[in-house]
Full PDB file with SEQRES, HELIX, SHEET, SSBOND, CRYST1, ORIGX, SCALE, CONECT and MASTER records, all heavy atoms in Angstrom:
SEQRES   1 A   44  TYR LEU ARG THR ARG GLY ILE GLY ARG LEU THR MET VAL          
SEQRES   2 A   44  GLY LEU ALA THR ASP PHE CYS VAL ASN PHE SER ALA VAL          
SEQRES   3 A   44  ASP ALA ALA LYS LEU GLY PHE ASP VAL THR VAL LEU GLU          
SEQRES   4 A   44  SER ALA CYS ARG GLY                                          
HELIX    1 AA1 LEU A    2  ARG A    5  1                                   4    
HELIX    2 AA2 THR A   17  VAL A   21  3                                   5    
HELIX    3 AA3 ASN A   22  LEU A   31  1                                  10    
SHEET    1 AA1 2 ARG A   9  LEU A  15  0                                        
SHEET    2 AA1 2 ASP A  34  ARG A  43  1                                        
CRYST1    1.000    1.000    1.000  90.00  90.00  90.00 P 1           1          
ORIGX1      1.000000  0.000000  0.000000        0.00000                         
ORIGX2      0.000000  1.000000  0.000000        0.00000                         
ORIGX3      0.000000  0.000000  1.000000        0.00000                         
SCALE1      1.000000  0.000000  0.000000        0.00000                         
SCALE2      0.000000  1.000000  0.000000        0.00000                         
SCALE3      0.000000  0.000000  1.000000        0.00000                         
ATOM      1  N   TYR A   1      -9.522  -9.679   4.610  1.00  0.00           N  
ATOM      2  CA  TYR A   1     -10.366  -8.507   4.990  1.00  0.00           C  
ATOM      3  C   TYR A   1     -10.771  -7.709   3.911  1.00  0.00           C  
ATOM      4  O   TYR A   1     -11.926  -7.397   3.670  1.00  0.00           O  
ATOM      5  CB  TYR A   1      -9.778  -7.685   6.254  1.00  0.00           C  
ATOM      6  CG  TYR A   1     -10.617  -6.607   6.628  1.00  0.00           C  
ATOM      7  CD1 TYR A   1     -11.640  -6.696   7.553  1.00  0.00           C  
ATOM      8  CD2 TYR A   1     -10.280  -5.236   6.078  1.00  0.00           C  
ATOM      9  CE1 TYR A   1     -12.354  -5.680   7.872  1.00  0.00           C  
ATOM     10  CE2 TYR A   1     -11.112  -4.165   6.410  1.00  0.00           C  
ATOM     11  CZ  TYR A   1     -12.148  -4.411   7.402  1.00  0.00           C  
ATOM     12  OH  TYR A   1     -12.871  -3.215   7.687  1.00  0.00           O  
ATOM     13  N   LEU A   2      -9.777  -7.214   3.029  1.00  0.00           N  
ATOM     14  CA  LEU A   2     -10.033  -6.408   1.922  1.00  0.00           C  
ATOM     15  C   LEU A   2     -10.814  -7.081   0.937  1.00  0.00           C  
ATOM     16  O   LEU A   2     -11.809  -6.311   0.360  1.00  0.00           O  
ATOM     17  CB  LEU A   2      -8.607  -5.967   1.348  1.00  0.00           C  
ATOM     18  CG  LEU A   2      -7.779  -5.041   2.208  1.00  0.00           C  
ATOM     19  CD1 LEU A   2      -6.393  -4.937   1.609  1.00  0.00           C  
ATOM     20  CD2 LEU A   2      -8.388  -3.663   2.494  1.00  0.00           C  
ATOM     21  N   ARG A   3     -10.634  -8.302   0.584  1.00  0.00           N  
ATOM     22  CA  ARG A   3     -11.395  -8.997  -0.390  1.00  0.00           C  
ATOM     23  C   ARG A   3     -12.802  -9.145   0.056  1.00  0.00           C  
ATOM     24  O   ARG A   3     -13.668  -9.127  -0.812  1.00  0.00           O  
ATOM     25  CB  ARG A   3     -10.837 -10.342  -0.691  1.00  0.00           C  
ATOM     26  CG  ARG A   3      -9.341 -10.322  -1.245  1.00  0.00           C  
ATOM     27  CD  ARG A   3      -9.025 -11.055  -2.437  1.00  0.00           C  
ATOM     28  NE  ARG A   3      -7.668 -11.070  -2.844  1.00  0.00           N  
ATOM     29  CZ  ARG A   3      -7.069 -10.258  -3.664  1.00  0.00           C  
ATOM     30  NH1 ARG A   3      -7.808  -9.298  -4.090  1.00  0.00           N  
ATOM     31  NH2 ARG A   3      -5.797 -10.342  -3.935  1.00  0.00           N  
ATOM     32  N   THR A   4     -13.103  -9.480   1.351  1.00  0.00           N  
ATOM     33  CA  THR A   4     -14.545  -9.775   1.739  1.00  0.00           C  
ATOM     34  C   THR A   4     -15.237  -8.556   1.808  1.00  0.00           C  
ATOM     35  O   THR A   4     -16.419  -8.505   1.667  1.00  0.00           O  
ATOM     36  CB  THR A   4     -14.604 -10.418   3.215  1.00  0.00           C  
ATOM     37  OG1 THR A   4     -13.732  -9.683   4.066  1.00  0.00           O  
ATOM     38  CG2 THR A   4     -13.985 -11.812   3.102  1.00  0.00           C  
ATOM     39  N   ARG A   5     -14.496  -7.334   1.884  1.00  0.00           N  
ATOM     40  CA  ARG A   5     -15.217  -6.021   1.802  1.00  0.00           C  
ATOM     41  C   ARG A   5     -15.327  -5.525   0.390  1.00  0.00           C  
ATOM     42  O   ARG A   5     -15.917  -4.397   0.270  1.00  0.00           O  
ATOM     43  CB  ARG A   5     -14.470  -4.958   2.661  1.00  0.00           C  
ATOM     44  CG  ARG A   5     -14.676  -5.381   4.215  1.00  0.00           C  
ATOM     45  CD  ARG A   5     -14.591  -4.134   5.082  1.00  0.00           C  
ATOM     46  NE  ARG A   5     -15.409  -2.872   4.569  1.00  0.00           N  
ATOM     47  CZ  ARG A   5     -15.211  -1.729   5.126  1.00  0.00           C  
ATOM     48  NH1 ARG A   5     -14.338  -1.444   6.097  1.00  0.00           N  
ATOM     49  NH2 ARG A   5     -15.883  -0.698   4.623  1.00  0.00           N  
ATOM     50  N   GLY A   6     -14.687  -6.169  -0.477  1.00  0.00           N  
ATOM     51  CA  GLY A   6     -14.907  -5.762  -2.050  1.00  0.00           C  
ATOM     52  C   GLY A   6     -13.862  -4.602  -2.242  1.00  0.00           C  
ATOM     53  O   GLY A   6     -14.180  -3.775  -3.171  1.00  0.00           O  
ATOM     54  N   ILE A   7     -12.845  -4.523  -1.512  1.00  0.00           N  
ATOM     55  CA  ILE A   7     -11.892  -3.353  -1.646  1.00  0.00           C  
ATOM     56  C   ILE A   7     -10.761  -3.771  -2.705  1.00  0.00           C  
ATOM     57  O   ILE A   7     -10.105  -4.802  -2.419  1.00  0.00           O  
ATOM     58  CB  ILE A   7     -11.339  -2.930  -0.365  1.00  0.00           C  
ATOM     59  CG1 ILE A   7     -12.375  -2.320   0.609  1.00  0.00           C  
ATOM     60  CG2 ILE A   7     -10.073  -1.914  -0.629  1.00  0.00           C  
ATOM     61  CD1 ILE A   7     -11.943  -2.123   1.963  1.00  0.00           C  
ATOM     62  N   GLY A   8     -10.635  -3.171  -3.672  1.00  0.00           N  
ATOM     63  CA  GLY A   8      -9.585  -3.422  -4.760  1.00  0.00           C  
ATOM     64  C   GLY A   8      -8.541  -2.424  -4.980  1.00  0.00           C  
ATOM     65  O   GLY A   8      -7.452  -2.595  -5.471  1.00  0.00           O  
ATOM     66  N   ARG A   9      -8.822  -1.113  -4.483  1.00  0.00           N  
ATOM     67  CA  ARG A   9      -7.857  -0.024  -4.688  1.00  0.00           C  
ATOM     68  C   ARG A   9      -7.344   0.372  -3.207  1.00  0.00           C  
ATOM     69  O   ARG A   9      -8.060   0.562  -2.365  1.00  0.00           O  
ATOM     70  CB  ARG A   9      -8.539   1.232  -5.291  1.00  0.00           C  
ATOM     71  CG  ARG A   9      -8.941   1.049  -6.682  1.00  0.00           C  
ATOM     72  CD  ARG A   9      -9.597   2.205  -7.210  1.00  0.00           C  
ATOM     73  NE  ARG A   9      -8.784   3.418  -7.283  1.00  0.00           N  
ATOM     74  CZ  ARG A   9      -9.179   4.669  -7.133  1.00  0.00           C  
ATOM     75  NH1 ARG A   9     -10.507   5.015  -6.992  1.00  0.00           N  
ATOM     76  NH2 ARG A   9      -8.333   5.665  -7.172  1.00  0.00           N  
ATOM     77  N   LEU A  10      -6.006   0.536  -3.173  1.00  0.00           N  
ATOM     78  CA  LEU A  10      -5.409   0.899  -1.893  1.00  0.00           C  
ATOM     79  C   LEU A  10      -4.521   2.116  -2.121  1.00  0.00           C  
ATOM     80  O   LEU A  10      -3.794   2.181  -3.167  1.00  0.00           O  
ATOM     81  CB  LEU A  10      -4.464  -0.197  -1.372  1.00  0.00           C  
ATOM     82  CG  LEU A  10      -5.140  -1.571  -1.343  1.00  0.00           C  
ATOM     83  CD1 LEU A  10      -4.019  -2.664  -0.868  1.00  0.00           C  
ATOM     84  CD2 LEU A  10      -6.371  -1.638  -0.312  1.00  0.00           C  
ATOM     85  N   THR A  11      -4.563   3.081  -1.295  1.00  0.00           N  
ATOM     86  CA  THR A  11      -3.648   4.218  -1.220  1.00  0.00           C  
ATOM     87  C   THR A  11      -2.925   4.071   0.115  1.00  0.00           C  
ATOM     88  O   THR A  11      -3.520   3.921   1.171  1.00  0.00           O  
ATOM     89  CB  THR A  11      -4.329   5.589  -1.282  1.00  0.00           C  
ATOM     90  OG1 THR A  11      -4.928   5.684  -2.614  1.00  0.00           O  
ATOM     91  CG2 THR A  11      -3.314   6.728  -1.008  1.00  0.00           C  
ATOM     92  N   MET A  12      -1.608   4.046   0.095  1.00  0.00           N  
ATOM     93  CA  MET A  12      -0.754   3.863   1.284  1.00  0.00           C  
ATOM     94  C   MET A  12       0.038   5.084   1.652  1.00  0.00           C  
ATOM     95  O   MET A  12       0.612   5.800   0.796  1.00  0.00           O  
ATOM     96  CB  MET A  12       0.223   2.725   1.047  1.00  0.00           C  
ATOM     97  CG  MET A  12      -0.476   1.271   0.825  1.00  0.00           C  
ATOM     98  SD  MET A  12       0.752  -0.015   0.990  1.00  0.00           S  
ATOM     99  CE  MET A  12      -0.483  -1.422   0.760  1.00  0.00           C  
ATOM    100  N   VAL A  13       0.004   5.271   2.981  1.00  0.00           N  
ATOM    101  CA  VAL A  13       0.787   6.453   3.552  1.00  0.00           C  
ATOM    102  C   VAL A  13       1.405   5.850   4.831  1.00  0.00           C  
ATOM    103  O   VAL A  13       1.061   4.882   5.282  1.00  0.00           O  
ATOM    104  CB  VAL A  13      -0.223   7.603   3.863  1.00  0.00           C  
ATOM    105  CG1 VAL A  13      -0.698   8.153   2.586  1.00  0.00           C  
ATOM    106  CG2 VAL A  13      -1.310   7.252   4.786  1.00  0.00           C  
ATOM    107  N   GLY A  14       2.444   6.745   5.334  1.00  0.00           N  
ATOM    108  CA  GLY A  14       2.945   6.264   6.630  1.00  0.00           C  
ATOM    109  C   GLY A  14       4.469   6.167   6.668  1.00  0.00           C  
ATOM    110  O   GLY A  14       5.208   6.797   5.943  1.00  0.00           O  
ATOM    111  N   LEU A  15       4.948   5.331   7.694  1.00  0.00           N  
ATOM    112  CA  LEU A  15       6.310   5.139   7.953  1.00  0.00           C  
ATOM    113  C   LEU A  15       6.688   3.841   7.895  1.00  0.00           C  
ATOM    114  O   LEU A  15       6.041   2.846   8.406  1.00  0.00           O  
ATOM    115  CB  LEU A  15       6.545   5.835   9.338  1.00  0.00           C  
ATOM    116  CG  LEU A  15       5.947   7.145   9.709  1.00  0.00           C  
ATOM    117  CD1 LEU A  15       6.181   7.579  11.034  1.00  0.00           C  
ATOM    118  CD2 LEU A  15       6.733   8.270   8.718  1.00  0.00           C  
ATOM    119  N   ALA A  16       7.848   3.485   7.466  1.00  0.00           N  
ATOM    120  CA  ALA A  16       8.816   4.390   6.730  1.00  0.00           C  
ATOM    121  C   ALA A  16       8.663   3.921   5.235  1.00  0.00           C  
ATOM    122  O   ALA A  16       8.451   2.727   4.849  1.00  0.00           O  
ATOM    123  CB  ALA A  16      10.102   4.297   7.161  1.00  0.00           C  
ATOM    124  N   THR A  17       8.922   4.955   4.349  1.00  0.00           N  
ATOM    125  CA  THR A  17       8.597   4.669   2.853  1.00  0.00           C  
ATOM    126  C   THR A  17       9.479   3.503   2.414  1.00  0.00           C  
ATOM    127  O   THR A  17       8.958   2.621   1.692  1.00  0.00           O  
ATOM    128  CB  THR A  17       9.128   5.968   2.069  1.00  0.00           C  
ATOM    129  OG1 THR A  17       8.718   7.137   2.638  1.00  0.00           O  
ATOM    130  CG2 THR A  17       8.694   5.908   0.660  1.00  0.00           C  
ATOM    131  N   ASP A  18      10.585   3.329   2.888  1.00  0.00           N  
ATOM    132  CA  ASP A  18      11.637   2.365   2.353  1.00  0.00           C  
ATOM    133  C   ASP A  18      11.577   1.060   3.015  1.00  0.00           C  
ATOM    134  O   ASP A  18      12.262   0.069   2.698  1.00  0.00           O  
ATOM    135  CB  ASP A  18      13.069   2.842   2.295  1.00  0.00           C  
ATOM    136  CG  ASP A  18      13.403   3.779   3.535  1.00  0.00           C  
ATOM    137  OD1 ASP A  18      12.610   4.143   4.157  1.00  0.00           O  
ATOM    138  OD2 ASP A  18      14.624   4.007   3.711  1.00  0.00           O  
ATOM    139  N   PHE A  19      10.752   0.894   4.064  1.00  0.00           N  
ATOM    140  CA  PHE A  19      10.590  -0.350   4.835  1.00  0.00           C  
ATOM    141  C   PHE A  19       9.144  -0.833   4.784  1.00  0.00           C  
ATOM    142  O   PHE A  19       8.653  -1.567   3.801  1.00  0.00           O  
ATOM    143  CB  PHE A  19      11.291  -0.382   6.186  1.00  0.00           C  
ATOM    144  CG  PHE A  19      12.772  -0.353   6.080  1.00  0.00           C  
ATOM    145  CD1 PHE A  19      13.547   0.766   6.073  1.00  0.00           C  
ATOM    146  CD2 PHE A  19      13.553  -1.663   6.012  1.00  0.00           C  
ATOM    147  CE1 PHE A  19      14.959   0.665   5.867  1.00  0.00           C  
ATOM    148  CE2 PHE A  19      14.784  -1.741   5.816  1.00  0.00           C  
ATOM    149  CZ  PHE A  19      15.603  -0.557   5.831  1.00  0.00           C  
ATOM    150  N   CYS A  20       8.345  -0.428   5.765  1.00  0.00           N  
ATOM    151  CA  CYS A  20       7.147  -1.003   5.936  1.00  0.00           C  
ATOM    152  C   CYS A  20       6.199  -0.540   4.778  1.00  0.00           C  
ATOM    153  O   CYS A  20       5.250  -1.339   4.313  1.00  0.00           O  
ATOM    154  CB  CYS A  20       6.573  -0.843   7.262  1.00  0.00           C  
ATOM    155  SG  CYS A  20       7.479  -1.573   8.523  1.00  0.00           S  
ATOM    156  N   VAL A  21       6.177   0.666   4.338  1.00  0.00           N  
ATOM    157  CA  VAL A  21       5.324   1.102   3.225  1.00  0.00           C  
ATOM    158  C   VAL A  21       5.690   0.365   2.031  1.00  0.00           C  
ATOM    159  O   VAL A  21       4.862  -0.147   1.330  1.00  0.00           O  
ATOM    160  CB  VAL A  21       5.486   2.667   3.010  1.00  0.00           C  
ATOM    161  CG1 VAL A  21       4.740   3.009   1.759  1.00  0.00           C  
ATOM    162  CG2 VAL A  21       4.970   3.438   4.297  1.00  0.00           C  
ATOM    163  N   ASN A  22       7.014   0.272   1.743  1.00  0.00           N  
ATOM    164  CA  ASN A  22       7.539  -0.432   0.581  1.00  0.00           C  
ATOM    165  C   ASN A  22       7.082  -1.850   0.558  1.00  0.00           C  
ATOM    166  O   ASN A  22       6.530  -2.237  -0.536  1.00  0.00           O  
ATOM    167  CB  ASN A  22       9.054  -0.244   0.557  1.00  0.00           C  
ATOM    168  CG  ASN A  22       9.823  -1.220  -0.465  1.00  0.00           C  
ATOM    169  OD1 ASN A  22       9.319  -1.483  -1.490  1.00  0.00           O  
ATOM    170  ND2 ASN A  22      10.973  -1.665  -0.108  1.00  0.00           N  
ATOM    171  N   PHE A  23       7.386  -2.588   1.610  1.00  0.00           N  
ATOM    172  CA  PHE A  23       7.016  -3.996   1.690  1.00  0.00           C  
ATOM    173  C   PHE A  23       5.580  -4.269   1.523  1.00  0.00           C  
ATOM    174  O   PHE A  23       5.059  -5.194   0.755  1.00  0.00           O  
ATOM    175  CB  PHE A  23       7.505  -4.653   2.876  1.00  0.00           C  
ATOM    176  CG  PHE A  23       9.031  -5.056   2.840  1.00  0.00           C  
ATOM    177  CD1 PHE A  23      10.002  -4.149   2.923  1.00  0.00           C  
ATOM    178  CD2 PHE A  23       9.391  -6.377   2.773  1.00  0.00           C  
ATOM    179  CE1 PHE A  23      11.297  -4.474   2.823  1.00  0.00           C  
ATOM    180  CE2 PHE A  23      10.653  -6.710   2.697  1.00  0.00           C  
ATOM    181  CZ  PHE A  23      11.732  -5.702   2.701  1.00  0.00           C  
ATOM    182  N   SER A  24       4.699  -3.365   2.087  1.00  0.00           N  
ATOM    183  CA  SER A  24       3.259  -3.517   2.118  1.00  0.00           C  
ATOM    184  C   SER A  24       2.769  -3.242   0.788  1.00  0.00           C  
ATOM    185  O   SER A  24       1.894  -3.951   0.158  1.00  0.00           O  
ATOM    186  CB  SER A  24       2.731  -2.556   3.064  1.00  0.00           C  
ATOM    187  OG  SER A  24       2.966  -2.755   4.399  1.00  0.00           O  
ATOM    188  N   ALA A  25       3.294  -2.184   0.095  1.00  0.00           N  
ATOM    189  CA  ALA A  25       2.846  -1.812  -1.321  1.00  0.00           C  
ATOM    190  C   ALA A  25       3.241  -2.871  -2.398  1.00  0.00           C  
ATOM    191  O   ALA A  25       2.334  -3.193  -3.105  1.00  0.00           O  
ATOM    192  CB  ALA A  25       3.515  -0.440  -1.708  1.00  0.00           C  
ATOM    193  N   VAL A  26       4.477  -3.460  -2.341  1.00  0.00           N  
ATOM    194  CA  VAL A  26       4.881  -4.391  -3.161  1.00  0.00           C  
ATOM    195  C   VAL A  26       3.971  -5.754  -3.027  1.00  0.00           C  
ATOM    196  O   VAL A  26       3.502  -6.322  -3.975  1.00  0.00           O  
ATOM    197  CB  VAL A  26       6.407  -4.712  -3.063  1.00  0.00           C  
ATOM    198  CG1 VAL A  26       6.746  -5.999  -3.787  1.00  0.00           C  
ATOM    199  CG2 VAL A  26       7.236  -3.517  -3.481  1.00  0.00           C  
ATOM    200  N   ASP A  27       3.798  -6.068  -1.745  1.00  0.00           N  
ATOM    201  CA  ASP A  27       2.963  -7.277  -1.538  1.00  0.00           C  
ATOM    202  C   ASP A  27       1.570  -7.098  -1.985  1.00  0.00           C  
ATOM    203  O   ASP A  27       0.951  -7.957  -2.644  1.00  0.00           O  
ATOM    204  CB  ASP A  27       2.956  -7.646   0.055  1.00  0.00           C  
ATOM    205  CG  ASP A  27       4.179  -8.383   0.519  1.00  0.00           C  
ATOM    206  OD1 ASP A  27       4.979  -8.887  -0.450  1.00  0.00           O  
ATOM    207  OD2 ASP A  27       4.404  -8.506   1.610  1.00  0.00           O  
ATOM    208  N   ALA A  28       1.008  -5.871  -1.731  1.00  0.00           N  
ATOM    209  CA  ALA A  28      -0.363  -5.617  -2.299  1.00  0.00           C  
ATOM    210  C   ALA A  28      -0.474  -5.720  -3.738  1.00  0.00           C  
ATOM    211  O   ALA A  28      -1.414  -6.269  -4.413  1.00  0.00           O  
ATOM    212  CB  ALA A  28      -0.840  -4.249  -1.699  1.00  0.00           C  
ATOM    213  N   ALA A  29       0.580  -5.129  -4.416  1.00  0.00           N  
ATOM    214  CA  ALA A  29       0.541  -5.238  -6.023  1.00  0.00           C  
ATOM    215  C   ALA A  29       0.664  -6.693  -6.359  1.00  0.00           C  
ATOM    216  O   ALA A  29      -0.140  -7.012  -7.318  1.00  0.00           O  
ATOM    217  CB  ALA A  29       1.732  -4.341  -6.437  1.00  0.00           C  
ATOM    218  N   LYS A  30       1.487  -7.449  -5.770  1.00  0.00           N  
ATOM    219  CA  LYS A  30       1.639  -8.859  -6.077  1.00  0.00           C  
ATOM    220  C   LYS A  30       0.325  -9.607  -5.955  1.00  0.00           C  
ATOM    221  O   LYS A  30       0.090 -10.626  -6.738  1.00  0.00           O  
ATOM    222  CB  LYS A  30       2.785  -9.542  -5.337  1.00  0.00           C  
ATOM    223  CG  LYS A  30       4.154  -9.190  -5.799  1.00  0.00           C  
ATOM    224  CD  LYS A  30       5.212  -9.790  -4.881  1.00  0.00           C  
ATOM    225  CE  LYS A  30       6.594  -9.369  -5.327  1.00  0.00           C  
ATOM    226  NZ  LYS A  30       7.646  -9.868  -4.386  1.00  0.00           N  
ATOM    227  N   LEU A  31      -0.444  -9.161  -4.891  1.00  0.00           N  
ATOM    228  CA  LEU A  31      -1.722  -9.833  -4.648  1.00  0.00           C  
ATOM    229  C   LEU A  31      -2.831  -9.456  -5.675  1.00  0.00           C  
ATOM    230  O   LEU A  31      -4.004  -9.955  -5.506  1.00  0.00           O  
ATOM    231  CB  LEU A  31      -2.121  -9.617  -3.236  1.00  0.00           C  
ATOM    232  CG  LEU A  31      -1.241 -10.302  -2.151  1.00  0.00           C  
ATOM    233  CD1 LEU A  31      -1.564  -9.804  -0.761  1.00  0.00           C  
ATOM    234  CD2 LEU A  31      -1.347 -11.788  -2.167  1.00  0.00           C  
ATOM    235  N   GLY A  32      -2.497  -8.436  -6.456  1.00  0.00           N  
ATOM    236  CA  GLY A  32      -3.495  -8.025  -7.512  1.00  0.00           C  
ATOM    237  C   GLY A  32      -4.223  -6.745  -7.093  1.00  0.00           C  
ATOM    238  O   GLY A  32      -5.218  -6.382  -7.828  1.00  0.00           O  
ATOM    239  N   PHE A  33      -3.955  -6.007  -6.001  1.00  0.00           N  
ATOM    240  CA  PHE A  33      -4.627  -4.807  -5.723  1.00  0.00           C  
ATOM    241  C   PHE A  33      -3.981  -3.697  -6.575  1.00  0.00           C  
ATOM    242  O   PHE A  33      -2.777  -3.699  -7.015  1.00  0.00           O  
ATOM    243  CB  PHE A  33      -4.390  -4.501  -4.095  1.00  0.00           C  
ATOM    244  CG  PHE A  33      -5.142  -5.439  -3.310  1.00  0.00           C  
ATOM    245  CD1 PHE A  33      -4.449  -6.388  -2.734  1.00  0.00           C  
ATOM    246  CD2 PHE A  33      -6.469  -5.244  -3.018  1.00  0.00           C  
ATOM    247  CE1 PHE A  33      -5.141  -7.440  -1.932  1.00  0.00           C  
ATOM    248  CE2 PHE A  33      -7.114  -6.103  -2.087  1.00  0.00           C  
ATOM    249  CZ  PHE A  33      -6.367  -7.246  -1.618  1.00  0.00           C  
ATOM    250  N   ASP A  34      -4.819  -2.653  -6.778  1.00  0.00           N  
ATOM    251  CA  ASP A  34      -4.407  -1.539  -7.383  1.00  0.00           C  
ATOM    252  C   ASP A  34      -3.835  -0.501  -6.372  1.00  0.00           C  
ATOM    253  O   ASP A  34      -4.635  -0.035  -5.474  1.00  0.00           O  
ATOM    254  CB  ASP A  34      -5.622  -0.788  -8.096  1.00  0.00           C  
ATOM    255  CG  ASP A  34      -5.310   0.543  -8.881  1.00  0.00           C  
ATOM    256  OD1 ASP A  34      -4.180   1.022  -8.798  1.00  0.00           O  
ATOM    257  OD2 ASP A  34      -6.266   1.046  -9.473  1.00  0.00           O  
ATOM    258  N   VAL A  35      -2.547  -0.271  -6.318  1.00  0.00           N  
ATOM    259  CA  VAL A  35      -1.803   0.364  -5.305  1.00  0.00           C  
ATOM    260  C   VAL A  35      -1.176   1.725  -5.671  1.00  0.00           C  
ATOM    261  O   VAL A  35      -0.386   1.818  -6.612  1.00  0.00           O  
ATOM    262  CB  VAL A  35      -0.730  -0.606  -4.719  1.00  0.00           C  
ATOM    263  CG1 VAL A  35      -0.160   0.086  -3.408  1.00  0.00           C  
ATOM    264  CG2 VAL A  35      -1.206  -1.962  -4.437  1.00  0.00           C  
ATOM    265  N   THR A  36      -1.401   2.657  -4.901  1.00  0.00           N  
ATOM    266  CA  THR A  36      -0.820   3.947  -4.919  1.00  0.00           C  
ATOM    267  C   THR A  36       0.030   4.317  -3.609  1.00  0.00           C  
ATOM    268  O   THR A  36      -0.674   4.014  -2.529  1.00  0.00           O  
ATOM    269  CB  THR A  36      -1.802   5.053  -5.277  1.00  0.00           C  
ATOM    270  OG1 THR A  36      -2.429   4.873  -6.481  1.00  0.00           O  
ATOM    271  CG2 THR A  36      -1.119   6.463  -5.322  1.00  0.00           C  
ATOM    272  N   VAL A  37       1.132   4.881  -3.720  1.00  0.00           N  
ATOM    273  CA  VAL A  37       1.828   5.278  -2.506  1.00  0.00           C  
ATOM    274  C   VAL A  37       1.978   6.812  -2.641  1.00  0.00           C  
ATOM    275  O   VAL A  37       2.436   7.296  -3.681  1.00  0.00           O  
ATOM    276  CB  VAL A  37       3.254   4.715  -2.341  1.00  0.00           C  
ATOM    277  CG1 VAL A  37       4.060   5.421  -1.306  1.00  0.00           C  
ATOM    278  CG2 VAL A  37       3.121   3.153  -1.998  1.00  0.00           C  
ATOM    279  N   LEU A  38       1.326   7.468  -1.712  1.00  0.00           N  
ATOM    280  CA  LEU A  38       1.262   8.916  -1.678  1.00  0.00           C  
ATOM    281  C   LEU A  38       2.474   9.444  -0.976  1.00  0.00           C  
ATOM    282  O   LEU A  38       2.517   9.523   0.325  1.00  0.00           O  
ATOM    283  CB  LEU A  38      -0.059   9.393  -1.064  1.00  0.00           C  
ATOM    284  CG  LEU A  38      -0.266  11.027  -1.163  1.00  0.00           C  
ATOM    285  CD1 LEU A  38      -0.420  11.379  -2.554  1.00  0.00           C  
ATOM    286  CD2 LEU A  38      -1.561  11.181  -0.357  1.00  0.00           C  
ATOM    287  N   GLU A  39       3.564   9.744  -1.671  1.00  0.00           N  
ATOM    288  CA  GLU A  39       4.859  10.035  -1.085  1.00  0.00           C  
ATOM    289  C   GLU A  39       4.818  11.273  -0.181  1.00  0.00           C  
ATOM    290  O   GLU A  39       5.709  11.336   0.838  1.00  0.00           O  
ATOM    291  CB  GLU A  39       6.013  10.112  -2.064  1.00  0.00           C  
ATOM    292  CG  GLU A  39       6.347   8.794  -2.719  1.00  0.00           C  
ATOM    293  CD  GLU A  39       7.777   8.853  -3.401  1.00  0.00           C  
ATOM    294  OE1 GLU A  39       8.724   8.540  -2.589  1.00  0.00           O  
ATOM    295  OE2 GLU A  39       7.676   9.101  -4.558  1.00  0.00           O  
ATOM    296  N   SER A  40       4.048  12.301  -0.437  1.00  0.00           N  
ATOM    297  CA  SER A  40       3.991  13.407   0.410  1.00  0.00           C  
ATOM    298  C   SER A  40       3.430  13.176   1.789  1.00  0.00           C  
ATOM    299  O   SER A  40       3.729  13.852   2.726  1.00  0.00           O  
ATOM    300  CB  SER A  40       3.033  14.502  -0.211  1.00  0.00           C  
ATOM    301  OG  SER A  40       1.794  13.970  -0.344  1.00  0.00           O  
ATOM    302  N   ALA A  41       2.685  11.984   1.971  1.00  0.00           N  
ATOM    303  CA  ALA A  41       2.291  11.565   3.309  1.00  0.00           C  
ATOM    304  C   ALA A  41       2.970  10.332   3.702  1.00  0.00           C  
ATOM    305  O   ALA A  41       2.519   9.498   4.597  1.00  0.00           O  
ATOM    306  CB  ALA A  41       0.845  11.372   3.258  1.00  0.00           C  
ATOM    307  N   CYS A  42       4.269  10.222   3.236  1.00  0.00           N  
ATOM    308  CA  CYS A  42       5.325   9.104   3.832  1.00  0.00           C  
ATOM    309  C   CYS A  42       6.529   9.825   4.309  1.00  0.00           C  
ATOM    310  O   CYS A  42       6.781  11.002   3.783  1.00  0.00           O  
ATOM    311  CB  CYS A  42       5.497   8.084   2.674  1.00  0.00           C  
ATOM    312  SG  CYS A  42       4.085   7.198   2.211  1.00  0.00           S  
ATOM    313  N   ARG A  43       7.400   9.191   5.001  1.00  0.00           N  
ATOM    314  CA  ARG A  43       8.686   9.616   5.341  1.00  0.00           C  
ATOM    315  C   ARG A  43       9.522   8.427   5.279  1.00  0.00           C  
ATOM    316  O   ARG A  43       9.142   7.294   5.811  1.00  0.00           O  
ATOM    317  CB  ARG A  43       8.848  10.396   6.607  1.00  0.00           C  
ATOM    318  CG  ARG A  43       8.121  11.749   6.627  1.00  0.00           C  
ATOM    319  CD  ARG A  43       8.772  12.879   5.733  1.00  0.00           C  
ATOM    320  NE  ARG A  43       8.089  14.121   5.860  1.00  0.00           N  
ATOM    321  CZ  ARG A  43       7.023  14.414   5.080  1.00  0.00           C  
ATOM    322  NH1 ARG A  43       6.556  13.574   4.251  1.00  0.00           N  
ATOM    323  NH2 ARG A  43       6.620  15.664   5.204  1.00  0.00           N  
ATOM    324  N   GLY A  44      10.862   8.488   4.882  1.00  0.00           N  
ATOM    325  CA  GLY A  44      11.768   7.370   4.742  1.00  0.00           C  
ATOM    326  C   GLY A  44      12.889   7.464   5.723  1.00  0.00           C  
ATOM    327  O   GLY A  44      13.301   8.552   6.311  1.00  0.00           O  
TER     328      GLY A  44                                                      
MASTER        0    0    0    3    2    0    0    6  327    1    0    4          
END                                                                             
């Protein structure tokens, strides 16, 4: 979905920092996306 829309930069927020945010961010980075996790808008 992201590739077909031409989206290359991702900012992630949500729950929980150490599980679903973490796994999502790491996978996105491995796939070549430019990833930022905004910790003030996450909780762990």
